[in-house]
Amino acid sequence: MSNHQDTFLSASSYFNHDSDRPVSVEIGNKKLSVTLADGRTISNPLDWHPWLRDASIDEQRHFELGMFSIDWPDLDEGLDIEGMLRGVRSSKAGRATALGTPQR
């Protein structure tokens, strides 16, 4: 029988910190595609991330690759690679509201 701890352990082992590191980002054809360190490309529909879909081209192009995430400093938003791998969608207002911090 599975318990909460088993679920947490299997969820945390889903992400590989070596191979799942982002190395490039492409936005086009209504999707966000991220190439990972091991060569895989993962994609999510831009509609899953309205704050990114509705951003200007310049705002979309200004991103920073982190060890485990991609951040868009002009938008004060970002995406976690583990969340992308799991198919997690942004809230309508974006990550900042989802975490309980006020929007700018």
N, C-alpha and C. Protein backbone atom coordinates (compact mmCIF):
# COMPACT_ATOMS: atom_id res chain seq x y z
N MET A 1 0.83 -1.18 0.00
CA MET A 1 0.00 0.00 0.00
C MET A 1 0.88 1.24 0.00
N SER A 2 0.56 2.21 -0.82
CA SER A 2 1.36 3.43 -0.95
C SER A 2 0.92 4.45 0.08
N ASN A 3 1.89 5.19 0.60
CA ASN A 3 1.55 6.28 1.50
C ASN A 3 2.13 7.58 0.94
N HIS A 4 1.87 8.68 1.63
CA HIS A 4 2.31 10.00 1.15
C HIS A 4 3.83 10.05 0.97
N GLN A 5 4.58 9.46 1.88
CA GLN A 5 6.05 9.48 1.77
C GLN A 5 6.51 8.75 0.51
N ASP A 6 5.91 7.61 0.19
CA ASP A 6 6.27 6.89 -1.03
C ASP A 6 6.01 7.75 -2.27
N THR A 7 4.88 8.44 -2.28
CA THR A 7 4.55 9.32 -3.39
C THR A 7 5.58 10.42 -3.52
N PHE A 8 5.97 11.03 -2.40
CA PHE A 8 6.96 12.10 -2.42
C PHE A 8 8.30 11.58 -2.93
N LEU A 9 8.72 10.43 -2.47
CA LEU A 9 10.01 9.89 -2.90
C LEU A 9 10.01 9.57 -4.38
N SER A 10 8.93 8.97 -4.88
CA SER A 10 8.90 8.65 -6.31
C SER A 10 8.81 9.93 -7.13
N ALA A 11 8.12 10.95 -6.64
CA ALA A 11 8.02 12.22 -7.37
C ALA A 11 9.37 12.92 -7.41
N SER A 12 10.11 12.93 -6.31
CA SER A 12 11.38 13.63 -6.30
C SER A 12 12.44 12.90 -7.11
N SER A 13 12.30 11.58 -7.30
CA SER A 13 13.28 10.84 -8.09
C SER A 13 13.00 10.96 -9.59
N TYR A 14 11.89 11.60 -9.96
CA TYR A 14 11.50 11.78 -11.36
C TYR A 14 12.46 12.71 -12.10
N PHE A 15 13.04 13.65 -11.41
CA PHE A 15 13.89 14.69 -12.00
C PHE A 15 15.35 14.31 -11.83
N ASN A 16 16.11 14.30 -12.93
CA ASN A 16 17.54 14.01 -12.89
C ASN A 16 18.30 15.33 -13.05
N HIS A 17 18.99 15.74 -12.01
CA HIS A 17 19.65 17.04 -11.99
C HIS A 17 20.79 17.16 -13.02
N ASP A 18 21.31 16.07 -13.48
CA ASP A 18 22.39 16.12 -14.49
C ASP A 18 21.83 16.22 -15.90
N SER A 19 20.91 15.34 -16.25
CA SER A 19 20.43 15.27 -17.63
C SER A 19 19.27 16.22 -17.92
N ASP A 20 18.55 16.67 -16.90
CA ASP A 20 17.35 17.49 -17.11
C ASP A 20 17.62 18.99 -17.04
N ARG A 21 18.88 19.39 -17.10
CA ARG A 21 19.26 20.81 -17.07
C ARG A 21 18.96 21.44 -18.43
N PRO A 22 18.29 22.63 -18.45
CA PRO A 22 17.99 23.27 -19.73
C PRO A 22 19.25 23.86 -20.38
N VAL A 23 19.36 23.69 -21.70
CA VAL A 23 20.50 24.27 -22.42
C VAL A 23 20.06 25.22 -23.53
N SER A 24 18.80 25.14 -23.97
CA SER A 24 18.30 26.10 -24.97
C SER A 24 16.78 26.16 -24.90
N VAL A 25 16.25 27.29 -25.40
CA VAL A 25 14.81 27.54 -25.38
C VAL A 25 14.39 28.06 -26.74
N GLU A 26 13.23 27.60 -27.21
CA GLU A 26 12.65 28.10 -28.45
C GLU A 26 11.16 28.31 -28.23
N ILE A 27 10.67 29.46 -28.67
CA ILE A 27 9.25 29.76 -28.59
C ILE A 27 8.75 29.98 -30.01
N GLY A 28 7.78 29.21 -30.43
CA GLY A 28 7.23 29.34 -31.77
C GLY A 28 6.17 28.30 -32.02
N ASN A 29 5.35 28.51 -33.05
CA ASN A 29 4.28 27.58 -33.40
C ASN A 29 3.38 27.26 -32.21
N LYS A 30 3.12 28.28 -31.39
CA LYS A 30 2.22 28.17 -30.23
C LYS A 30 2.72 27.19 -29.17
N LYS A 31 4.06 27.00 -29.12
CA LYS A 31 4.60 26.12 -28.08
C LYS A 31 5.93 26.64 -27.57
N LEU A 32 6.27 26.19 -26.38
CA LEU A 32 7.56 26.45 -25.74
C LEU A 32 8.33 25.15 -25.77
N SER A 33 9.52 25.16 -26.38
CA SER A 33 10.35 23.95 -26.46
C SER A 33 11.67 24.22 -25.74
N VAL A 34 12.07 23.26 -24.94
CA VAL A 34 13.31 23.37 -24.17
C VAL A 34 14.17 22.14 -24.46
N THR A 35 15.41 22.38 -24.86
CA THR A 35 16.36 21.29 -25.05
C THR A 35 17.10 21.08 -23.74
N LEU A 36 17.18 19.83 -23.32
CA LEU A 36 17.84 19.47 -22.07
C LEU A 36 19.27 19.01 -22.33
N ALA A 37 20.06 18.95 -21.28
CA ALA A 37 21.48 18.62 -21.39
C ALA A 37 21.73 17.28 -22.07
N ASP A 38 20.82 16.33 -21.94
CA ASP A 38 21.03 15.01 -22.56
C ASP A 38 20.53 14.95 -24.01
N GLY A 39 20.07 16.10 -24.56
CA GLY A 39 19.65 16.15 -25.96
C GLY A 39 18.16 16.04 -26.18
N ARG A 40 17.40 15.65 -25.18
CA ARG A 40 15.94 15.59 -25.34
C ARG A 40 15.37 16.99 -25.47
N THR A 41 14.26 17.10 -26.19
CA THR A 41 13.52 18.35 -26.27
C THR A 41 12.14 18.10 -25.69
N ILE A 42 11.75 18.96 -24.75
CA ILE A 42 10.41 18.87 -24.16
C ILE A 42 9.64 20.12 -24.59
N SER A 43 8.34 19.97 -24.78
CA SER A 43 7.51 21.09 -25.23
C SER A 43 6.21 21.15 -24.45
N ASN A 44 5.75 22.37 -24.24
CA ASN A 44 4.43 22.63 -23.66
C ASN A 44 3.73 23.64 -24.55
N PRO A 45 2.42 23.55 -24.68
CA PRO A 45 1.69 24.58 -25.42
C PRO A 45 1.84 25.93 -24.70
N LEU A 46 2.01 27.00 -25.46
CA LEU A 46 2.09 28.33 -24.86
C LEU A 46 0.81 28.67 -24.11
N ASP A 47 -0.31 28.12 -24.51
CA ASP A 47 -1.57 28.38 -23.80
C ASP A 47 -1.50 27.92 -22.35
N TRP A 48 -0.61 27.01 -22.02
CA TRP A 48 -0.43 26.57 -20.63
C TRP A 48 0.23 27.65 -19.79
N HIS A 49 0.86 28.63 -20.44
CA HIS A 49 1.61 29.69 -19.74
C HIS A 49 1.19 31.04 -20.31
N PRO A 50 -0.02 31.52 -19.96
CA PRO A 50 -0.56 32.75 -20.56
C PRO A 50 0.36 33.96 -20.41
N TRP A 51 1.06 34.06 -19.30
CA TRP A 51 1.97 35.19 -19.08
C TRP A 51 3.09 35.21 -20.12
N LEU A 52 3.50 34.06 -20.60
CA LEU A 52 4.54 33.98 -21.63
C LEU A 52 3.93 34.13 -23.02
N ARG A 53 2.80 33.51 -23.24
CA ARG A 53 2.10 33.62 -24.52
C ARG A 53 1.78 35.08 -24.86
N ASP A 54 1.36 35.85 -23.84
CA ASP A 54 0.92 37.23 -24.05
C ASP A 54 2.06 38.24 -24.00
N ALA A 55 3.28 37.78 -23.73
CA ALA A 55 4.44 38.68 -23.66
C ALA A 55 4.87 39.11 -25.07
N SER A 56 5.57 40.23 -25.12
CA SER A 56 6.11 40.68 -26.41
C SER A 56 7.23 39.74 -26.85
N ILE A 57 7.58 39.80 -28.12
CA ILE A 57 8.69 38.99 -28.65
C ILE A 57 9.97 39.29 -27.87
N ASP A 58 10.25 40.56 -27.62
CA ASP A 58 11.46 40.93 -26.87
C ASP A 58 11.44 40.35 -25.46
N GLU A 59 10.28 40.38 -24.79
CA GLU A 59 10.18 39.81 -23.45
C GLU A 59 10.37 38.29 -23.50
N GLN A 60 9.81 37.65 -24.51
CA GLN A 60 9.98 36.20 -24.64
C GLN A 60 11.43 35.83 -24.89
N ARG A 61 12.13 36.63 -25.66
CA ARG A 61 13.54 36.32 -26.00
C ARG A 61 14.51 36.61 -24.88
N HIS A 62 14.11 37.42 -23.90
CA HIS A 62 15.00 37.75 -22.79
C HIS A 62 14.76 36.78 -21.63
N PHE A 63 15.47 35.66 -21.67
CA PHE A 63 15.35 34.64 -20.64
C PHE A 63 16.74 34.30 -20.11
N GLU A 64 16.75 33.70 -18.95
CA GLU A 64 17.99 33.23 -18.32
C GLU A 64 17.83 31.76 -17.98
N LEU A 65 18.81 30.97 -18.38
CA LEU A 65 18.80 29.54 -18.07
C LEU A 65 19.40 29.34 -16.69
N GLY A 66 18.65 28.71 -15.83
CA GLY A 66 19.15 28.33 -14.52
C GLY A 66 19.51 26.86 -14.53
N MET A 67 20.00 26.38 -13.42
CA MET A 67 20.36 24.96 -13.33
C MET A 67 19.12 24.09 -13.45
N PHE A 68 17.98 24.55 -12.91
CA PHE A 68 16.76 23.74 -12.88
C PHE A 68 15.55 24.50 -13.41
N SER A 69 15.77 25.67 -14.04
CA SER A 69 14.64 26.48 -14.46
C SER A 69 15.02 27.42 -15.59
N ILE A 70 14.00 28.08 -16.13
CA ILE A 70 14.18 29.15 -17.11
C ILE A 70 13.44 30.35 -16.54
N ASP A 71 14.11 31.49 -16.47
CA ASP A 71 13.51 32.69 -15.91
C ASP A 71 13.43 33.78 -16.96
N TRP A 72 12.33 34.52 -16.94
CA TRP A 72 12.12 35.69 -17.79
C TRP A 72 12.10 36.91 -16.88
N PRO A 73 13.27 37.55 -16.68
CA PRO A 73 13.37 38.64 -15.71
C PRO A 73 12.46 39.84 -16.02
N ASP A 74 12.24 40.15 -17.28
CA ASP A 74 11.36 41.28 -17.63
C ASP A 74 9.91 41.01 -17.24
N LEU A 75 9.55 39.74 -17.13
CA LEU A 75 8.19 39.35 -16.79
C LEU A 75 8.05 38.96 -15.31
N ASP A 76 9.18 38.87 -14.62
CA ASP A 76 9.20 38.43 -13.23
C ASP A 76 8.51 37.07 -13.09
N GLU A 77 8.82 36.19 -14.04
CA GLU A 77 8.22 34.86 -14.08
C GLU A 77 9.26 33.83 -14.49
N GLY A 78 8.93 32.58 -14.32
CA GLY A 78 9.82 31.52 -14.75
C GLY A 78 9.13 30.18 -14.75
N LEU A 79 9.82 29.20 -15.31
CA LEU A 79 9.30 27.83 -15.36
C LEU A 79 10.33 26.87 -14.81
N ASP A 80 9.85 25.95 -14.03
CA ASP A 80 10.67 24.90 -13.45
C ASP A 80 10.70 23.72 -14.42
N ILE A 81 11.88 23.20 -14.71
CA ILE A 81 11.99 22.08 -15.67
C ILE A 81 11.24 20.85 -15.16
N GLU A 82 11.33 20.57 -13.89
CA GLU A 82 10.60 19.42 -13.35
C GLU A 82 9.10 19.59 -13.58
N GLY A 83 8.59 20.80 -13.41
CA GLY A 83 7.18 21.06 -13.67
C GLY A 83 6.82 20.84 -15.13
N MET A 84 7.71 21.29 -16.03
CA MET A 84 7.46 21.06 -17.46
C MET A 84 7.43 19.56 -17.77
N LEU A 85 8.35 18.81 -17.19
CA LEU A 85 8.38 17.37 -17.42
C LEU A 85 7.11 16.70 -16.91
N ARG A 86 6.53 17.24 -15.87
CA ARG A 86 5.31 16.68 -15.28
C ARG A 86 4.05 17.20 -15.94
N GLY A 87 4.18 18.22 -16.82
CA GLY A 87 3.00 18.78 -17.47
C GLY A 87 2.23 19.77 -16.62
N VAL A 88 2.93 20.44 -15.69
CA VAL A 88 2.28 21.42 -14.83
C VAL A 88 2.03 22.70 -15.61
N ARG A 89 0.82 23.21 -15.53
CA ARG A 89 0.44 24.45 -16.21
C ARG A 89 0.56 25.62 -15.25
N SER A 90 0.90 26.81 -15.79
CA SER A 90 0.92 28.02 -14.97
C SER A 90 -0.51 28.42 -14.63
N SER A 91 -0.66 29.09 -13.50
CA SER A 91 -1.97 29.67 -13.20
C SER A 91 -2.21 30.81 -14.18
N LYS A 92 -3.45 31.24 -14.33
CA LYS A 92 -3.75 32.33 -15.27
C LYS A 92 -2.94 33.57 -14.97
N ALA A 93 -2.76 33.89 -13.69
CA ALA A 93 -2.04 35.11 -13.32
C ALA A 93 -0.53 34.91 -13.31
N GLY A 94 -0.07 33.67 -13.39
CA GLY A 94 1.36 33.41 -13.41
C GLY A 94 1.87 32.85 -12.11
N ARG A 95 3.14 32.54 -12.10
CA ARG A 95 3.77 31.90 -10.96
C ARG A 95 3.72 32.76 -9.71
N ALA A 96 3.95 34.08 -9.83
CA ALA A 96 4.02 34.95 -8.65
C ALA A 96 2.74 34.85 -7.83
N THR A 97 1.59 34.89 -8.47
CA THR A 97 0.34 34.79 -7.74
C THR A 97 0.18 33.39 -7.16
N ALA A 98 0.59 32.38 -7.91
CA ALA A 98 0.47 31.01 -7.43
C ALA A 98 1.28 30.80 -6.15
N LEU A 99 2.37 31.53 -5.99
CA LEU A 99 3.21 31.39 -4.80
C LEU A 99 2.77 32.32 -3.69
N GLY A 100 1.74 33.15 -3.95
CA GLY A 100 1.23 34.01 -2.90
C GLY A 100 1.90 35.37 -2.82
N THR A 101 2.72 35.72 -3.78
CA THR A 101 3.34 37.04 -3.77
C THR A 101 2.58 37.94 -4.73
N PRO A 102 2.53 39.22 -4.44
CA PRO A 102 1.74 40.11 -5.30
C PRO A 102 2.34 40.29 -6.68
N GLN A 103 1.46 40.47 -7.65
CA GLN A 103 1.89 40.81 -9.01
C GLN A 103 2.43 42.23 -9.02
N ARG A 104 3.31 42.51 -9.97
CA ARG A 104 3.84 43.86 -10.07
C ARG A 104 2.90 44.75 -10.81
